[in-house]
């Protein structure tokens, strides 16, 4: 069985204003840190997805 996909909305520092803000979309940790180094997860927004990977079909 595949591991669940864990997604969060992330706290990032806006490069233009310098203020902390929450991302609009949920992302995995790897995606969030690749796009926004130093991002911190918003634990209240945790979403766990279960399913079958396309390659397993």
N, C-alpha and C. Protein backbone atom coordinates (compact mmCIF):
# COMPACT_ATOMS: atom_id res chain seq x y z
N UNK A 1 0.84 -1.18 0.00
CA UNK A 1 0.00 0.00 0.00
C UNK A 1 0.89 1.25 0.00
N UNK A 2 0.52 2.21 -0.77
CA UNK A 2 1.30 3.44 -0.88
C UNK A 2 1.13 4.30 0.37
N UNK A 3 2.16 5.07 0.67
CA UNK A 3 2.09 5.99 1.80
C UNK A 3 1.16 7.14 1.45
N UNK A 4 0.48 7.71 2.44
CA UNK A 4 -0.41 8.84 2.16
C UNK A 4 0.40 10.08 1.76
N UNK A 5 -0.22 10.92 0.98
CA UNK A 5 0.38 12.18 0.57
C UNK A 5 -0.04 13.23 1.60
N UNK A 6 0.93 13.87 2.26
CA UNK A 6 0.65 14.86 3.29
C UNK A 6 0.87 16.25 2.70
N UNK A 7 -0.17 17.09 2.78
CA UNK A 7 -0.12 18.44 2.22
C UNK A 7 -0.42 19.46 3.30
N UNK A 8 0.22 20.61 3.19
CA UNK A 8 -0.02 21.74 4.09
C UNK A 8 -0.09 23.02 3.29
N UNK A 9 -0.70 24.04 3.87
CA UNK A 9 -0.47 25.40 3.40
C UNK A 9 0.76 25.86 4.17
N UNK A 10 1.54 26.76 3.59
CA UNK A 10 2.84 27.10 4.15
C UNK A 10 2.98 28.58 4.46
N UNK A 11 3.63 28.88 5.59
CA UNK A 11 3.97 30.26 5.93
C UNK A 11 5.28 30.60 5.23
N UNK A 12 5.23 31.66 4.42
CA UNK A 12 6.42 32.11 3.69
C UNK A 12 6.60 33.60 3.93
N UNK A 13 7.79 34.10 3.65
CA UNK A 13 8.05 35.53 3.73
C UNK A 13 7.97 36.08 2.31
N UNK A 14 7.06 37.03 2.11
CA UNK A 14 6.86 37.64 0.80
C UNK A 14 8.11 38.42 0.41
N UNK A 15 8.65 38.14 -0.77
CA UNK A 15 9.87 38.79 -1.22
C UNK A 15 9.70 40.27 -1.51
N UNK A 16 8.50 40.71 -1.84
CA UNK A 16 8.24 42.11 -2.17
C UNK A 16 8.00 42.94 -0.91
N UNK A 17 7.07 42.48 -0.07
CA UNK A 17 6.69 43.27 1.11
C UNK A 17 7.51 42.92 2.35
N UNK A 18 8.10 41.73 2.38
CA UNK A 18 8.85 41.30 3.56
C UNK A 18 7.96 40.79 4.67
N UNK A 19 6.64 40.69 4.42
CA UNK A 19 5.70 40.22 5.44
C UNK A 19 5.46 38.73 5.28
N UNK A 20 5.16 38.10 6.41
CA UNK A 20 4.82 36.67 6.40
C UNK A 20 3.41 36.49 5.90
N UNK A 21 3.21 35.49 5.04
CA UNK A 21 1.87 35.20 4.55
C UNK A 21 1.71 33.71 4.34
N UNK A 22 0.47 33.30 4.24
CA UNK A 22 0.13 31.90 4.05
C UNK A 22 -0.09 31.64 2.56
N UNK A 23 0.47 30.54 2.05
CA UNK A 23 0.28 30.21 0.64
C UNK A 23 -1.19 29.91 0.37
N UNK A 24 -1.62 30.12 -0.86
CA UNK A 24 -3.00 29.85 -1.24
C UNK A 24 -3.28 28.37 -1.39
N UNK A 25 -2.27 27.63 -1.82
CA UNK A 25 -2.45 26.21 -2.14
C UNK A 25 -1.68 25.33 -1.18
N UNK A 26 -2.16 24.11 -1.02
CA UNK A 26 -1.45 23.12 -0.21
C UNK A 26 -0.36 22.49 -1.07
N UNK A 27 0.77 22.20 -0.44
CA UNK A 27 1.90 21.59 -1.13
C UNK A 27 2.56 20.58 -0.22
N UNK A 28 3.31 19.66 -0.82
CA UNK A 28 4.12 18.75 -0.04
C UNK A 28 5.31 19.52 0.52
N UNK A 29 5.98 18.95 1.48
CA UNK A 29 7.14 19.60 2.07
C UNK A 29 8.24 19.83 1.03
N UNK A 30 8.49 18.83 0.20
CA UNK A 30 9.54 18.95 -0.82
C UNK A 30 9.25 20.09 -1.79
N UNK A 31 7.99 20.19 -2.25
CA UNK A 31 7.62 21.25 -3.18
C UNK A 31 7.73 22.63 -2.53
N UNK A 32 7.24 22.74 -1.30
CA UNK A 32 7.24 24.03 -0.61
C UNK A 32 8.67 24.53 -0.37
N UNK A 33 9.54 23.64 0.08
CA UNK A 33 10.92 24.07 0.38
C UNK A 33 11.71 24.34 -0.90
N UNK A 34 11.36 23.68 -1.99
CA UNK A 34 12.03 23.97 -3.26
C UNK A 34 11.64 25.35 -3.78
N UNK A 35 10.37 25.73 -3.59
CA UNK A 35 9.89 27.02 -4.07
C UNK A 35 10.20 28.16 -3.10
N UNK A 36 10.11 27.86 -1.81
CA UNK A 36 10.27 28.89 -0.77
C UNK A 36 11.16 28.37 0.35
N UNK A 37 12.48 28.48 0.21
CA UNK A 37 13.37 28.00 1.29
C UNK A 37 13.01 28.68 2.62
N UNK A 38 12.96 27.90 3.67
CA UNK A 38 12.63 28.44 4.98
C UNK A 38 11.14 28.46 5.27
N UNK A 39 10.32 27.91 4.38
CA UNK A 39 8.87 27.88 4.60
C UNK A 39 8.55 27.00 5.81
N UNK A 40 7.47 27.37 6.51
CA UNK A 40 7.04 26.62 7.69
C UNK A 40 5.60 26.17 7.49
N UNK A 41 5.28 24.91 7.80
CA UNK A 41 3.91 24.42 7.58
C UNK A 41 2.92 25.03 8.56
N UNK A 42 1.70 25.26 8.08
CA UNK A 42 0.58 25.66 8.94
C UNK A 42 -0.09 24.36 9.37
N UNK A 43 0.17 23.92 10.57
CA UNK A 43 -0.27 22.60 11.03
C UNK A 43 -1.79 22.43 11.02
N UNK A 44 -2.53 23.52 11.15
CA UNK A 44 -3.99 23.44 11.14
C UNK A 44 -4.53 23.11 9.75
N UNK A 45 -3.73 23.30 8.71
CA UNK A 45 -4.19 23.07 7.34
C UNK A 45 -3.81 21.69 6.81
N UNK A 46 -3.34 20.81 7.66
CA UNK A 46 -2.86 19.48 7.23
C UNK A 46 -3.95 18.72 6.49
N UNK A 47 -3.57 18.14 5.36
CA UNK A 47 -4.49 17.30 4.58
C UNK A 47 -3.75 16.03 4.19
N UNK A 48 -4.41 14.92 4.39
CA UNK A 48 -3.81 13.62 4.09
C UNK A 48 -4.62 12.98 2.97
N UNK A 49 -3.94 12.62 1.88
CA UNK A 49 -4.63 12.01 0.75
C UNK A 49 -4.17 10.57 0.57
N UNK A 50 -5.12 9.70 0.37
CA UNK A 50 -4.84 8.29 0.14
C UNK A 50 -5.31 7.95 -1.26
N UNK A 51 -4.56 7.13 -1.93
CA UNK A 51 -4.96 6.73 -3.27
C UNK A 51 -3.92 5.84 -3.88
N UNK A 52 -4.13 5.53 -5.13
CA UNK A 52 -3.21 4.68 -5.87
C UNK A 52 -2.43 5.54 -6.85
N UNK A 53 -1.14 5.36 -6.88
CA UNK A 53 -0.32 6.08 -7.84
C UNK A 53 -0.67 5.62 -9.24
N UNK A 54 -0.61 6.51 -10.21
CA UNK A 54 -0.98 6.20 -11.58
C UNK A 54 -0.13 5.06 -12.14
N UNK A 55 1.14 5.03 -11.76
CA UNK A 55 2.03 4.00 -12.30
C UNK A 55 1.67 2.60 -11.79
N UNK A 56 0.93 2.51 -10.71
CA UNK A 56 0.54 1.21 -10.17
C UNK A 56 -0.70 0.64 -10.85
N UNK A 57 -1.40 1.42 -11.64
CA UNK A 57 -2.64 0.95 -12.27
C UNK A 57 -2.40 -0.05 -13.36
